[in-house]
C-alpha atoms as a PDB file:
ATOM      1  CA  MET A   1      92.805  75.792  96.637  1.00  0.00           C
ATOM      2  CA  ASP A   2      94.210  75.727  92.884  1.00  0.00           C
ATOM      3  CA  THR A   3      96.764  78.424  91.863  1.00  0.00           C
ATOM      4  CA  THR A   4      98.165  79.412  88.404  1.00  0.00           C
ATOM      5  CA  THR A   5     101.519  80.936  88.308  1.00  0.00           C
ATOM      6  CA  ILE A   6     101.529  84.158  86.427  1.00  0.00           C
ATOM      7  CA  LYS A   7     105.085  85.426  86.709  1.00  0.00           C
ATOM      8  CA  THR A   8     108.292  84.012  87.866  1.00  0.00           C
ATOM      9  CA  ILE A   9     111.350  86.362  88.927  1.00  0.00           C
ATOM     10  CA  PHE A  10     114.742  84.537  89.336  1.00  0.00           C
ATOM     11  CA  SER A  11     117.726  86.001  91.350  1.00  0.00           C
ATOM     12  CA  THR A  12     120.796  86.628  89.307  1.00  0.00           C
ATOM     13  CA  ASP A  13     122.555  83.350  90.475  1.00  0.00           C
ATOM     14  CA  ARG A  14     119.198  81.491  89.445  1.00  0.00           C
ATOM     15  CA  VAL A  15     119.076  79.641  92.778  1.00  0.00           C
ATOM     16  CA  ARG A  16     116.145  81.685  94.138  1.00  0.00           C
ATOM     17  CA  LYS A  17     112.935  82.572  92.520  1.00  0.00           C
ATOM     18  CA  VAL A  18     109.673  84.195  93.444  1.00  0.00           C
ATOM     19  CA  GLU A  19     106.476  82.970  91.863  1.00  0.00           C
ATOM     20  CA  LEU A  20     103.545  85.250  91.625  1.00  0.00           C
ATOM     21  CA  PHE A  21     100.277  83.309  91.386  1.00  0.00           C
ATOM     22  CA  ARG A  22      96.554  83.684  90.957  1.00  0.00           C
ATOM     23  CA  ARG A  23      94.287  81.463  93.335  1.00  0.00           C
ATOM     24  CA  SER A  24      90.984  80.051  92.083  1.00  0.00           C
ATOM     25  CA  ASP A  25      89.190  82.474  94.342  1.00  0.00           C
ATOM     26  CA  GLY A  26      90.511  85.541  92.346  1.00  0.00           C
ATOM     27  CA  THR A  27      93.124  86.460  94.951  1.00  0.00           C
ATOM     28  CA  PHE A  28      96.833  86.900  94.288  1.00  0.00           C
ATOM     29  CA  GLY A  29      99.939  85.725  96.342  1.00  0.00           C
ATOM     30  CA  PHE A  30     103.520  84.998  95.991  1.00  0.00           C
ATOM     31  CA  GLU A  31     106.028  82.287  97.255  1.00  0.00           C
ATOM     32  CA  GLU A  32     109.866  82.325  97.510  1.00  0.00           C
ATOM     33  CA  TRP A  33     111.627  79.205  96.456  1.00  0.00           C
ATOM     34  CA  ARG A  34     115.218  78.142  96.688  1.00  0.00           C
ATOM     35  CA  PHE A  35     116.865  75.452  94.381  1.00  0.00           C
ATOM     36  CA  ASP A  36     118.300  72.475  96.468  1.00  0.00           C
ATOM     37  CA  SER A  37     120.992  71.063  94.410  1.00  0.00           C
ATOM     38  CA  ASP A  38     121.335  67.875  96.700  1.00  0.00           C
ATOM     39  CA  GLU A  39     117.864  67.013  95.880  1.00  0.00           C
ATOM     40  CA  ASP A  40     117.714  68.575  92.430  1.00  0.00           C
ATOM     41  CA  THR A  41     114.436  70.442  93.214  1.00  0.00           C
ATOM     42  CA  TRP A  42     112.817  73.706  94.137  1.00  0.00           C
ATOM     43  CA  LEU A  43     111.689  74.037  97.738  1.00  0.00           C
ATOM     44  CA  PRO A  44     109.521  76.673  99.185  1.00  0.00           C
ATOM     45  CA  PHE A  45     111.107  79.137 101.535  1.00  0.00           C
ATOM     46  CA  GLY A  46     109.649  81.416 104.027  1.00  0.00           C
ATOM     47  CA  ARG A  47     105.783  80.568 103.831  1.00  0.00           C
ATOM     48  CA  ARG A  48     105.103  83.715 101.996  1.00  0.00           C
ATOM     49  CA  SER A  49     102.174  82.054 100.089  1.00  0.00           C
ATOM     50  CA  LEU A  50      99.879  83.161 103.030  1.00  0.00           C
ATOM     51  CA  ALA A  51      99.931  86.692 101.804  1.00  0.00           C
ATOM     52  CA  ILE A  52      96.544  87.566 100.146  1.00  0.00           C
ATOM     53  CA  CYS A  53      96.335  90.412  97.565  1.00  0.00           C
ATOM     54  CA  ASP A  54      93.721  91.784  95.374  1.00  0.00           C
ATOM     55  CA  SER A  55      95.836  92.186  92.318  1.00  0.00           C
ATOM     56  CA  ALA A  56      98.922  90.785  90.628  1.00  0.00           C
ATOM     57  CA  ASP A  57     100.649  94.225  90.818  1.00  0.00           C
ATOM     58  CA  LYS A  58      99.971  94.353  94.587  1.00  0.00           C
ATOM     59  CA  ALA A  59     101.406  90.782  95.007  1.00  0.00           C
ATOM     60  CA  GLU A  60     104.590  91.790  93.219  1.00  0.00           C
ATOM     61  CA  TYR A  61     104.927  94.955  95.378  1.00  0.00           C
ATOM     62  CA  GLU A  62     104.465  92.845  98.475  1.00  0.00           C
ATOM     63  CA  ALA A  63     107.083  90.342  97.299  1.00  0.00           C
ATOM     64  CA  ARG A  64     109.499  93.079  96.526  1.00  0.00           C
ATOM     65  CA  ASP A  65     108.801  94.766  99.843  1.00  0.00           C
ATOM     66  CA  ARG A  66     109.307  91.514 101.974  1.00  0.00           C
ATOM     67  CA  ILE A  67     112.074  89.671 100.087  1.00  0.00           C
ATOM     68  CA  GLU A  68     115.415  91.091 100.655  1.00  0.00           C
ATOM     69  CA  TRP A  69     117.170  89.860  97.475  1.00  0.00           C
ATOM     70  CA  LEU A  70     114.317  90.948  95.264  1.00  0.00           C
ATOM     71  CA  SER A  71     114.053  94.446  96.863  1.00  0.00           C
ATOM     72  CA  GLY A  72     117.621  94.911  96.289  1.00  0.00           C
ATOM     73  CA  GLY A  73     117.485  94.576  92.575  1.00  0.00           C
ATOM     74  CA  GLY A  74     119.140  91.145  92.452  1.00  0.00           C
ATOM     75  CA  GLY A  75     116.212  89.563  90.580  1.00  0.00           C
ATOM     76  CA  HIS A  76     114.938  89.828  87.137  1.00  0.00           C
ATOM     77  CA  ALA A  77     111.985  88.423  85.128  1.00  0.00           C
END
């Protein structure tokens, strides 16, 4: 299923991020990523893309509720 990223929130150290996305079926979700400096690439972390939400706001709420560094105020858009 195709997805479109609608918002990215980075950790303050910029080595973690959360991408909020919209699926082609109209549902929303999020994925946590960590930057691997050895591979010089972003890698998914935590399999959170399985979350299915009916709005972008709900997806962001769920991400902030489930991801510790994001709920603690350590991220910004």
